[in-house]
């Protein structure tokens, strides 16, 4: 069985469903930028332009999840879990008006899990 690089909590799925009902297909990009630190950001599908400098880590609740290639080099040994908490982030992410923000919880892969990762 292949190990997932990115997972999602049930609470985050509920918010994704609300956003999908309003905006249609969605995508995520793991920010590595200035203002939001490393906050995951949710956009309408295609609204955030990805390119050769981005890596598709997988999908969360049928939404593609990307990260910049440079940042991936630091996180490639880590499994990410998309979660949601109350509070307002400072980003342009779609969940902000709902009074919540997405965040990433992480854990290092075991050696066995590393062997089961898809090659990116």
Protein backbone atom coordinates (compact mmCIF):
# COMPACT_ATOMS: atom_id res chain seq x y z
CA UNK A 1 0.00 0.00 0.00
CA UNK A 2 1.31 3.42 -0.99
CA UNK A 3 1.85 5.98 1.77
CA UNK A 4 0.02 9.29 1.38
CA UNK A 5 2.11 12.45 1.49
CA UNK A 6 -0.88 14.57 2.42
CA UNK A 7 -4.03 13.69 4.35
CA UNK A 8 -7.11 15.59 5.54
CA UNK A 9 -9.17 15.59 8.74
CA UNK A 10 -12.94 15.15 8.84
CA UNK A 11 -13.30 18.73 10.13
CA UNK A 12 -11.34 20.08 7.16
CA UNK A 13 -13.48 18.00 4.77
CA UNK A 14 -16.60 19.75 6.09
CA UNK A 15 -15.10 23.17 5.33
CA UNK A 16 -13.92 21.99 1.91
CA UNK A 17 -17.48 20.85 1.17
CA UNK A 18 -18.86 24.27 2.14
CA UNK A 19 -16.31 26.03 -0.04
CA UNK A 20 -16.86 23.65 -2.95
CA UNK A 21 -20.63 24.30 -2.80
CA UNK A 22 -19.96 28.03 -3.10
CA UNK A 23 -16.95 28.16 -5.46
CA UNK A 24 -16.86 24.86 -7.36
CA UNK A 25 -13.66 22.82 -7.78
CA UNK A 26 -10.86 23.79 -5.39
CA UNK A 27 -7.10 23.44 -5.07
CA UNK A 28 -4.56 23.90 -2.26
CA UNK A 29 -1.07 25.32 -2.26
CA UNK A 30 1.20 25.07 0.76
CA UNK A 31 2.46 28.59 1.20
CA UNK A 32 6.08 29.07 2.04
CA UNK A 33 5.87 32.80 1.75
CA UNK A 34 6.32 35.85 3.84
CA UNK A 35 2.94 36.80 5.29
CA UNK A 36 1.46 33.44 6.15
CA UNK A 37 4.55 31.46 7.01
CA UNK A 38 3.71 28.01 5.82
CA UNK A 39 -0.09 28.22 5.88
CA UNK A 40 -1.98 26.02 3.41
CA UNK A 41 -4.06 28.18 1.10
CA UNK A 42 -7.30 27.19 -0.64
CA UNK A 43 -8.18 28.63 -4.04
CA UNK A 44 -10.72 28.05 -6.75
CA UNK A 45 -9.22 25.45 -9.10
CA UNK A 46 -6.87 27.20 -11.53
CA UNK A 47 -6.91 30.49 -9.59
CA UNK A 48 -3.37 29.92 -8.31
CA UNK A 49 -0.97 29.35 -11.18
CA UNK A 50 1.27 26.34 -10.63
CA UNK A 51 4.26 25.53 -12.77
CA UNK A 52 7.53 23.64 -12.95
CA UNK A 53 8.54 25.04 -9.57
CA UNK A 54 5.58 23.31 -7.85
CA UNK A 55 5.08 19.68 -6.79
CA UNK A 56 1.71 17.93 -6.70
CA UNK A 57 1.83 16.10 -3.35
CA UNK A 58 -1.54 14.40 -3.80
CA UNK A 59 -5.19 15.17 -3.32
CA UNK A 60 -7.22 16.02 -0.23
CA UNK A 61 -10.96 15.39 -0.48
CA UNK A 62 -10.69 15.46 -4.29
CA UNK A 63 -8.66 18.71 -4.35
CA UNK A 64 -5.11 18.81 -5.71
CA UNK A 65 -2.54 19.84 -3.11
CA UNK A 66 0.66 21.56 -4.30
CA UNK A 67 3.84 22.80 -2.66
CA UNK A 68 6.78 24.71 -4.09
CA UNK A 69 9.63 22.39 -5.10
CA UNK A 70 12.11 24.27 -2.90
CA UNK A 71 9.88 23.92 0.15
CA UNK A 72 9.23 20.26 -0.68
CA UNK A 73 12.95 19.58 -0.27
CA UNK A 74 12.57 20.50 3.41
CA UNK A 75 9.27 18.64 3.89
CA UNK A 76 9.81 15.51 1.80
CA UNK A 77 10.34 13.34 4.90
CA UNK A 78 7.12 14.60 6.47
CA UNK A 79 3.50 13.55 6.13
CA UNK A 80 1.17 16.54 6.12
CA UNK A 81 -2.39 16.52 7.44
CA UNK A 82 -4.69 19.37 6.43
CA UNK A 83 -6.78 20.47 9.40
CA UNK A 84 -8.90 23.49 10.30
CA UNK A 85 -9.14 25.59 13.46
CA UNK A 86 -11.23 28.56 14.54
CA UNK A 87 -9.65 31.93 13.94
CA UNK A 88 -8.75 34.25 11.14
CA UNK A 89 -5.67 33.75 9.07
CA UNK A 90 -4.04 36.62 7.24
CA UNK A 91 -4.17 35.11 3.77
CA UNK A 92 -6.26 35.23 0.64
CA UNK A 93 -7.43 31.66 1.28
CA UNK A 94 -11.13 31.03 0.66
CA UNK A 95 -11.97 29.80 4.18
CA UNK A 96 -11.12 33.08 5.92
CA UNK A 97 -14.67 34.58 5.74
CA UNK A 98 -15.98 31.47 7.54
CA UNK A 99 -14.02 32.41 10.69
CA UNK A 100 -11.68 29.45 10.39
CA UNK A 101 -8.29 28.78 8.87
CA UNK A 102 -6.60 25.75 7.42
CA UNK A 103 -3.37 24.60 9.00
CA UNK A 104 -0.94 21.75 8.55
CA UNK A 105 -0.13 19.16 11.16
CA UNK A 106 2.93 17.10 10.36
CA UNK A 107 4.78 13.97 11.36
CA UNK A 108 8.00 12.45 10.13
CA UNK A 109 7.60 9.35 8.01
CA UNK A 110 8.89 6.10 9.42
CA UNK A 111 11.54 4.25 7.41
CA UNK A 112 8.85 1.79 6.28
CA UNK A 113 6.55 4.60 5.16
CA UNK A 114 9.42 6.23 3.25
CA UNK A 115 9.79 3.03 1.21
CA UNK A 116 6.10 3.21 0.26
CA UNK A 117 6.04 6.83 -0.93
CA UNK A 118 5.30 7.61 -4.56
CA UNK A 119 8.24 9.15 -6.41
CA UNK A 120 7.79 12.85 -7.21
